[in-house]
Amino acid sequence: MLPSSNQILDRNTIETILLSEALDPFNRAKLTKEELIECVDLRKKIEEYKLKKKEEKLTTNNNETNVNQDIDIDIDKMNINTNTENK
């Protein structure tokens, strides 16, 4: 977080901005890298959100795999039946 404007930016972005000029981009107040305030609570919420989404994606992919396996099995059964009918 930027101390004078209370705006939140990711650290990489603001550090890149500070390389060109040591000013808060929102209110032009002097700002150094050492003055940046880490938002620990926000970082924790973001990490929890990312983990939740990753778990949801894995669950969705597993469900899709199960559906695809069911379809493959049904197709195999059809082939067996078709082959039997042709005899």
Protein backbone atom coordinates (compact mmCIF):
# COMPACT_ATOMS: atom_id res chain seq x y z
CA MET A 1 0.00 0.00 0.00
CA LEU A 2 1.15 3.51 -0.72
CA PRO A 3 1.31 5.43 2.56
CA SER A 4 0.24 8.89 1.40
CA SER A 5 -2.52 7.97 -1.06
CA ASN A 6 -3.62 4.67 0.58
CA GLN A 7 -3.77 3.02 -2.85
CA ILE A 8 -2.90 -0.65 -3.25
CA LEU A 9 -0.64 -1.88 -6.04
CA ASP A 10 1.31 -5.06 -6.47
CA ARG A 11 4.89 -4.66 -5.31
CA ASN A 12 6.48 -5.28 -8.73
CA THR A 13 4.43 -2.54 -10.37
CA ILE A 14 5.15 0.14 -7.80
CA GLU A 15 8.84 -0.77 -7.60
CA THR A 16 9.07 -0.38 -11.38
CA ILE A 17 7.39 3.02 -11.14
CA LEU A 18 9.73 4.09 -8.35
CA LEU A 19 12.74 3.26 -10.53
CA SER A 20 11.84 6.13 -12.85
CA GLU A 21 10.77 8.61 -10.18
CA ALA A 22 10.41 8.43 -6.40
CA LEU A 23 6.82 9.70 -6.33
CA ASP A 24 3.45 8.24 -5.46
CA PRO A 25 1.76 8.03 -8.89
CA PHE A 26 -1.63 8.95 -7.41
CA ASN A 27 -0.80 12.16 -5.56
CA ARG A 28 2.82 12.87 -6.58
CA ALA A 29 4.02 12.81 -2.95
CA LYS A 30 7.61 11.72 -2.38
CA LEU A 31 7.86 7.97 -1.93
CA THR A 32 10.65 5.45 -1.46
CA LYS A 33 10.65 1.69 -1.67
CA GLU A 34 11.24 1.48 2.09
CA GLU A 35 8.01 3.40 2.77
CA LEU A 36 5.80 0.85 1.05
CA ILE A 37 3.38 -0.93 3.39
CA GLU A 38 2.80 -4.64 2.87
CA CYS A 39 -0.86 -5.71 3.02
CA VAL A 40 -0.48 -9.05 4.78
CA ASP A 41 -4.24 -9.63 5.14
CA LEU A 42 -4.87 -8.93 1.47
CA ARG A 43 -1.99 -11.19 0.42
CA LYS A 44 -3.46 -13.98 2.57
CA LYS A 45 -6.91 -13.53 1.01
CA ILE A 46 -5.43 -13.62 -2.49
CA GLU A 47 -3.47 -16.79 -1.75
CA GLU A 48 -6.57 -18.45 -0.28
CA TYR A 49 -8.59 -17.44 -3.34
CA LYS A 50 -5.94 -18.81 -5.71
CA LEU A 51 -5.79 -22.10 -3.79
CA LYS A 52 -9.60 -22.40 -3.82
CA LYS A 53 -9.72 -21.80 -7.59
CA LYS A 54 -6.94 -24.31 -8.18
CA GLU A 55 -8.82 -26.94 -6.14
CA GLU A 56 -12.06 -26.17 -8.04
CA LYS A 57 -10.25 -26.56 -11.34
CA LEU A 58 -8.80 -29.90 -10.28
CA THR A 59 -12.24 -31.09 -9.17
CA THR A 60 -13.79 -29.94 -12.46
CA ASN A 61 -11.04 -31.64 -14.48
CA ASN A 62 -11.51 -34.86 -12.52
CA ASN A 63 -15.26 -34.77 -13.16
CA GLU A 64 -14.68 -34.18 -16.88
CA THR A 65 -12.24 -37.08 -16.97
CA ASN A 66 -14.82 -39.33 -15.32
CA VAL A 67 -17.47 -38.28 -17.85
CA ASN A 68 -15.06 -38.90 -20.74
CA GLN A 69 -14.20 -42.32 -19.34
CA ASP A 70 -17.92 -43.15 -19.12
CA ILE A 71 -18.37 -42.11 -22.75
CA ASP A 72 -15.40 -44.25 -23.82
CA ILE A 73 -16.82 -47.22 -21.99
CA ASP A 74 -20.24 -46.72 -23.62
CA ILE A 75 -18.63 -46.43 -27.05
CA ASP A 76 -16.67 -49.63 -26.37
CA LYS A 77 -19.90 -51.40 -25.43
CA MET A 78 -21.51 -50.19 -28.65
CA ASN A 79 -18.60 -51.54 -30.66
CA ILE A 80 -18.89 -54.90 -28.93
CA ASN A 81 -22.61 -54.97 -29.62
CA THR A 82 -22.10 -53.89 -33.22
CA ASN A 83 -19.46 -56.56 -33.74
CA THR A 84 -21.77 -59.15 -32.24
CA GLU A 85 -24.62 -58.10 -34.54
CA ASN A 86 -22.41 -58.38 -37.60
CA LYS A 87 -21.56 -62.05 -36.88
